[in-house]
Amino acid sequence: MKRLLGVLAVMLLGLGCGGGAMDEASMSPVDLASHQPAAHIVCTAEDPCPQGYLCVSHIRCAKICKADGDCPAGQTCSGSLGGKKYCR
């Protein structure tokens, strides 16, 4: 019984000292400059997309474009919604 209590005490001490903490890398702040802003925006009527962007399925804001060169790297100007083309 004493041995069981000792094991439990060591386990609780380990958790209390950060043994069960999350990985520090997952807690680091997001570098917004390295992310595409349109990829992280959920658009609603109360929170519309910024100027120059189109709300696609209320899920994301996509950049309005005329040619592939208007789009971020890895995207093409191939979407169409409401008579406007957008990057995807």
N, C-alpha and C. Protein backbone atom coordinates (compact mmCIF):
# COMPACT_ATOMS: atom_id res chain seq x y z
N MET A 1 0.82 -1.19 0.00
CA MET A 1 0.00 0.00 0.00
C MET A 1 0.87 1.26 0.00
N LYS A 2 1.94 1.23 0.84
CA LYS A 2 2.84 2.38 0.90
C LYS A 2 3.52 2.59 -0.45
N ARG A 3 3.86 1.48 -1.09
CA ARG A 3 4.53 1.56 -2.39
C ARG A 3 3.59 2.21 -3.42
N LEU A 4 2.33 1.82 -3.42
CA LEU A 4 1.34 2.38 -4.33
C LEU A 4 1.18 3.88 -4.10
N LEU A 5 1.11 4.29 -2.86
CA LEU A 5 1.01 5.72 -2.54
C LEU A 5 2.25 6.46 -2.99
N GLY A 6 3.40 5.84 -2.85
CA GLY A 6 4.66 6.47 -3.29
C GLY A 6 4.67 6.67 -4.80
N VAL A 7 4.22 5.66 -5.53
CA VAL A 7 4.16 5.76 -6.99
C VAL A 7 3.18 6.85 -7.41
N LEU A 8 2.03 6.90 -6.77
CA LEU A 8 1.05 7.93 -7.09
C LEU A 8 1.58 9.33 -6.78
N ALA A 9 2.29 9.46 -5.67
CA ALA A 9 2.85 10.75 -5.30
C ALA A 9 3.87 11.21 -6.33
N VAL A 10 4.72 10.31 -6.80
CA VAL A 10 5.72 10.65 -7.81
C VAL A 10 5.04 11.04 -9.12
N MET A 11 3.99 10.33 -9.50
CA MET A 11 3.28 10.65 -10.74
C MET A 11 2.63 12.02 -10.64
N LEU A 12 1.98 12.32 -9.53
CA LEU A 12 1.33 13.61 -9.35
C LEU A 12 2.37 14.74 -9.31
N LEU A 13 3.50 14.48 -8.69
CA LEU A 13 4.57 15.47 -8.65
C LEU A 13 5.09 15.75 -10.06
N GLY A 14 5.22 14.71 -10.86
CA GLY A 14 5.67 14.87 -12.24
C GLY A 14 4.69 15.69 -13.06
N LEU A 15 3.40 15.44 -12.89
CA LEU A 15 2.40 16.22 -13.61
C LEU A 15 2.38 17.67 -13.14
N GLY A 16 2.54 17.87 -11.86
CA GLY A 16 2.54 19.22 -11.30
C GLY A 16 3.74 20.03 -11.74
N CYS A 17 4.83 19.37 -12.07
CA CYS A 17 6.06 20.05 -12.48
C CYS A 17 6.17 20.18 -13.99
N GLY A 18 5.13 19.86 -14.71
CA GLY A 18 5.16 20.05 -16.16
C GLY A 18 5.37 18.77 -16.93
N GLY A 19 5.38 17.64 -16.27
CA GLY A 19 5.57 16.37 -16.97
C GLY A 19 4.44 16.08 -17.94
N GLY A 20 3.26 16.62 -17.69
CA GLY A 20 2.13 16.40 -18.57
C GLY A 20 1.81 17.61 -19.41
N ALA A 21 2.72 18.58 -19.46
CA ALA A 21 2.48 19.82 -20.21
C ALA A 21 2.53 19.57 -21.70
N MET A 22 1.92 20.48 -22.45
CA MET A 22 1.93 20.37 -23.90
C MET A 22 3.31 20.71 -24.44
N ASP A 23 3.57 20.29 -25.64
CA ASP A 23 4.82 20.60 -26.32
C ASP A 23 4.97 22.11 -26.48
N GLU A 24 6.11 22.65 -26.14
CA GLU A 24 6.32 24.10 -26.21
C GLU A 24 6.20 24.64 -27.63
N ALA A 25 6.55 23.84 -28.62
CA ALA A 25 6.47 24.30 -30.01
C ALA A 25 5.04 24.62 -30.41
N SER A 26 4.09 23.86 -29.85
CA SER A 26 2.69 24.12 -30.19
C SER A 26 2.16 25.36 -29.50
N MET A 27 2.87 25.87 -28.53
CA MET A 27 2.43 27.04 -27.79
C MET A 27 3.06 28.33 -28.33
N SER A 28 3.92 28.23 -29.34
CA SER A 28 4.61 29.42 -29.84
C SER A 28 3.63 30.31 -30.61
N PRO A 29 3.86 31.62 -30.59
CA PRO A 29 2.96 32.52 -31.31
C PRO A 29 3.04 32.31 -32.82
N VAL A 30 1.97 32.63 -33.51
CA VAL A 30 1.91 32.46 -34.96
C VAL A 30 2.54 33.67 -35.62
N ASP A 31 3.41 33.40 -36.59
CA ASP A 31 4.02 34.48 -37.37
C ASP A 31 3.07 34.82 -38.49
N LEU A 32 2.29 35.88 -38.33
CA LEU A 32 1.25 36.23 -39.29
C LEU A 32 1.83 36.61 -40.64
N ALA A 33 3.05 37.08 -40.69
CA ALA A 33 3.66 37.47 -41.97
C ALA A 33 3.92 36.26 -42.86
N SER A 34 4.04 35.08 -42.27
CA SER A 34 4.35 33.89 -43.06
C SER A 34 3.09 33.15 -43.50
N HIS A 35 1.93 33.62 -43.12
CA HIS A 35 0.67 32.95 -43.46
C HIS A 35 -0.13 33.79 -44.45
N GLN A 36 -0.90 33.11 -45.26
CA GLN A 36 -1.79 33.81 -46.17
C GLN A 36 -3.01 34.25 -45.38
N PRO A 37 -3.28 35.55 -45.30
CA PRO A 37 -4.38 36.01 -44.46
C PRO A 37 -5.73 35.47 -44.90
N ALA A 38 -5.93 35.26 -46.18
CA ALA A 38 -7.24 34.81 -46.66
C ALA A 38 -7.53 33.38 -46.22
N ALA A 39 -6.52 32.60 -45.94
CA ALA A 39 -6.72 31.20 -45.59
C ALA A 39 -7.29 31.03 -44.18
N HIS A 40 -7.22 32.05 -43.35
CA HIS A 40 -7.62 31.91 -41.96
C HIS A 40 -8.84 32.73 -41.60
N ILE A 41 -9.53 33.28 -42.56
CA ILE A 41 -10.68 34.14 -42.29
C ILE A 41 -11.96 33.36 -42.56
N VAL A 42 -12.85 33.31 -41.59
CA VAL A 42 -14.19 32.76 -41.79
C VAL A 42 -15.09 33.97 -41.94
N CYS A 43 -15.81 34.06 -43.06
CA CYS A 43 -16.59 35.25 -43.35
C CYS A 43 -18.07 35.04 -43.05
N THR A 44 -18.66 36.09 -42.50
CA THR A 44 -20.09 36.11 -42.22
C THR A 44 -20.63 37.47 -42.61
N ALA A 45 -21.93 37.65 -42.53
CA ALA A 45 -22.52 38.95 -42.83
C ALA A 45 -22.04 39.99 -41.82
N GLU A 46 -21.83 39.57 -40.58
CA GLU A 46 -21.36 40.48 -39.55
C GLU A 46 -19.86 40.76 -39.66
N ASP A 47 -19.12 39.82 -40.23
CA ASP A 47 -17.67 39.93 -40.36
C ASP A 47 -17.28 39.61 -41.80
N PRO A 48 -17.51 40.56 -42.74
CA PRO A 48 -17.24 40.29 -44.15
C PRO A 48 -15.75 40.27 -44.46
N CYS A 49 -15.44 39.86 -45.68
CA CYS A 49 -14.05 39.83 -46.15
C CYS A 49 -13.54 41.25 -46.37
N PRO A 50 -12.22 41.43 -46.29
CA PRO A 50 -11.64 42.74 -46.59
C PRO A 50 -11.82 43.10 -48.07
N GLN A 51 -11.63 44.35 -48.40
CA GLN A 51 -11.76 44.79 -49.77
C GLN A 51 -10.76 44.05 -50.66
N GLY A 52 -11.21 43.62 -51.82
CA GLY A 52 -10.36 42.87 -52.75
C GLY A 52 -10.46 41.37 -52.56
N TYR A 53 -11.29 40.93 -51.61
CA TYR A 53 -11.48 39.50 -51.35
C TYR A 53 -12.96 39.15 -51.47
N LEU A 54 -13.25 37.90 -51.76
CA LEU A 54 -14.59 37.40 -51.98
C LEU A 54 -14.86 36.28 -50.98
N CYS A 55 -16.03 36.27 -50.37
CA CYS A 55 -16.38 35.22 -49.42
C CYS A 55 -16.84 33.98 -50.19
N VAL A 56 -16.14 32.87 -49.99
CA VAL A 56 -16.45 31.62 -50.68
C VAL A 56 -17.09 30.66 -49.69
N SER A 57 -18.37 30.37 -49.88
CA SER A 57 -19.13 29.40 -49.07
C SER A 57 -19.12 29.72 -47.58
N HIS A 58 -18.97 30.95 -47.22
CA HIS A 58 -18.92 31.39 -45.81
C HIS A 58 -17.81 30.69 -45.05
N ILE A 59 -16.84 30.13 -45.76
CA ILE A 59 -15.75 29.38 -45.14
C ILE A 59 -14.45 30.18 -45.15
N ARG A 60 -14.19 30.87 -46.26
CA ARG A 60 -12.92 31.58 -46.37
C ARG A 60 -13.05 32.77 -47.30
N CYS A 61 -12.13 33.67 -47.19
CA CYS A 61 -12.04 34.80 -48.10
C CYS A 61 -10.98 34.49 -49.14
N ALA A 62 -11.32 34.68 -50.40
CA ALA A 62 -10.39 34.42 -51.49
C ALA A 62 -10.13 35.72 -52.24
N LYS A 63 -8.89 35.89 -52.68
CA LYS A 63 -8.49 37.10 -53.38
C LYS A 63 -9.15 37.16 -54.76
N ILE A 64 -9.72 38.31 -55.08
CA ILE A 64 -10.31 38.52 -56.40
C ILE A 64 -9.16 38.71 -57.39
N CYS A 65 -9.29 38.11 -58.59
CA CYS A 65 -8.20 38.15 -59.56
C CYS A 65 -8.72 38.28 -60.98
N LYS A 66 -7.80 38.61 -61.88
CA LYS A 66 -8.10 38.63 -63.31
C LYS A 66 -7.23 37.62 -64.05
N ALA A 67 -6.05 37.31 -63.49
CA ALA A 67 -5.12 36.37 -64.10
C ALA A 67 -4.37 35.63 -62.99
N ASP A 68 -3.72 34.52 -63.35
CA ASP A 68 -2.97 33.73 -62.38
C ASP A 68 -1.91 34.56 -61.65
N GLY A 69 -1.34 35.54 -62.32
CA GLY A 69 -0.30 36.37 -61.72
C GLY A 69 -0.80 37.22 -60.55
N ASP A 70 -2.12 37.38 -60.43
CA ASP A 70 -2.69 38.15 -59.32
C ASP A 70 -2.79 37.33 -58.04
N CYS A 71 -2.59 36.02 -58.15
CA CYS A 71 -2.79 35.11 -57.02
C CYS A 71 -1.49 34.82 -56.28
N PRO A 72 -1.61 34.44 -54.99
CA PRO A 72 -0.44 34.01 -54.23
C PRO A 72 0.18 32.76 -54.85
N ALA A 73 1.42 32.49 -54.53
CA ALA A 73 2.13 31.32 -55.06
C ALA A 73 1.34 30.05 -54.77
N GLY A 74 1.24 29.18 -55.76
CA GLY A 74 0.56 27.91 -55.60
C GLY A 74 -0.94 27.96 -55.88
N GLN A 75 -1.47 29.15 -56.17
CA GLN A 75 -2.89 29.27 -56.47
C GLN A 75 -3.07 29.77 -57.90
N THR A 76 -4.24 29.48 -58.46
CA THR A 76 -4.56 29.95 -59.81
C THR A 76 -5.86 30.74 -59.77
N CYS A 77 -6.05 31.56 -60.78
CA CYS A 77 -7.26 32.38 -60.89
C CYS A 77 -8.31 31.56 -61.62
N SER A 78 -8.85 30.54 -60.93
CA SER A 78 -9.74 29.60 -61.61
C SER A 78 -11.12 29.50 -60.98
N GLY A 79 -11.35 30.18 -59.88
CA GLY A 79 -12.67 30.14 -59.26
C GLY A 79 -13.56 31.22 -59.84
N SER A 80 -14.86 31.03 -59.78
CA SER A 80 -15.81 32.03 -60.25
C SER A 80 -17.03 32.03 -59.35
N LEU A 81 -17.41 33.24 -58.91
CA LEU A 81 -18.55 33.37 -58.03
C LEU A 81 -19.18 34.73 -58.25
N GLY A 82 -20.43 34.76 -58.57
CA GLY A 82 -21.13 36.03 -58.79
C GLY A 82 -20.52 36.87 -59.89
N GLY A 83 -20.00 36.24 -60.93
CA GLY A 83 -19.41 36.97 -62.05
C GLY A 83 -18.00 37.47 -61.78
N LYS A 84 -17.42 37.14 -60.62
CA LYS A 84 -16.06 37.54 -60.29
C LYS A 84 -15.18 36.30 -60.20
N LYS A 85 -13.94 36.42 -60.68
CA LYS A 85 -12.97 35.33 -60.58
C LYS A 85 -12.20 35.50 -59.28
N TYR A 86 -11.79 34.36 -58.69
CA TYR A 86 -10.99 34.40 -57.46
C TYR A 86 -9.92 33.33 -57.48
N CYS A 87 -8.91 33.55 -56.63
CA CYS A 87 -7.78 32.62 -56.52
C CYS A 87 -8.17 31.39 -55.72
N ARG A 88 -7.71 30.24 -56.19
CA ARG A 88 -7.90 29.01 -55.41
C ARG A 88 -6.82 28.02 -55.71
